[in-house]
């Protein structure tokens, strides 16, 4: 996945769980994700995103 395809509001899947994208740092390829059941967002690198399973 290209960093330019990731947008705030999308749902993404990471090894730590799925969540909504809050912010995208294109320069550093970092994504701030908020899980529905957590109050503190977490940051992941683009390389950690998992492909969505059909």
Protein backbone atom coordinates (compact mmCIF):
# COMPACT_ATOMS: atom_id res chain seq x y z
CA UNK A 1 0.00 0.00 0.00
CA UNK A 2 1.22 3.48 -0.84
CA UNK A 3 1.20 6.13 1.90
CA UNK A 4 -0.83 8.41 -0.41
CA UNK A 5 -3.68 5.84 -0.41
CA UNK A 6 -4.11 6.12 3.37
CA UNK A 7 -6.59 8.79 4.44
CA UNK A 8 -8.03 9.91 7.79
CA UNK A 9 -11.29 8.10 8.50
CA UNK A 10 -10.24 4.87 6.80
CA UNK A 11 -10.15 1.62 8.73
CA UNK A 12 -6.76 -0.05 8.67
CA UNK A 13 -5.55 -3.36 10.00
CA UNK A 14 -2.33 -3.70 11.99
CA UNK A 15 -0.73 -6.48 14.03
CA UNK A 16 -2.04 -4.62 17.13
CA UNK A 17 -5.63 -4.57 15.88
CA UNK A 18 -7.87 -2.61 13.55
CA UNK A 19 -8.78 1.02 13.91
CA UNK A 20 -9.61 4.33 12.31
CA UNK A 21 -6.87 6.44 10.77
CA UNK A 22 -6.66 9.78 12.58
CA UNK A 23 -3.56 11.30 10.98
CA UNK A 24 -1.09 10.44 8.23
CA UNK A 25 2.54 11.63 8.29
CA UNK A 26 3.52 11.24 4.63
CA UNK A 27 7.14 12.31 5.14
CA UNK A 28 7.88 9.70 7.83
CA UNK A 29 5.27 7.18 6.57
CA UNK A 30 3.62 7.02 10.01
CA UNK A 31 -0.07 6.55 10.68
CA UNK A 32 -1.93 7.44 13.88
CA UNK A 33 -4.67 4.88 14.54
CA UNK A 34 -7.53 4.91 17.06
CA UNK A 35 -9.16 1.63 18.04
CA UNK A 36 -12.84 1.80 18.92
CA UNK A 37 -12.30 0.17 22.32
CA UNK A 38 -9.26 2.27 23.33
CA UNK A 39 -8.94 5.90 24.39
CA UNK A 40 -5.28 6.32 23.45
CA UNK A 41 -4.36 6.19 19.75
CA UNK A 42 -1.26 4.33 18.61
CA UNK A 43 1.23 4.97 15.84
CA UNK A 44 2.30 2.48 13.21
CA UNK A 45 4.66 2.59 10.26
CA UNK A 46 3.21 2.04 6.80
CA UNK A 47 5.14 -1.24 6.54
CA UNK A 48 3.15 -2.61 9.51
CA UNK A 49 -0.25 -2.29 7.83
CA UNK A 50 -1.86 -5.60 6.96
CA UNK A 51 -3.77 -6.25 3.76
CA UNK A 52 -7.51 -6.62 4.31
CA UNK A 53 -8.65 -10.22 3.94
CA UNK A 54 -11.62 -10.91 1.65
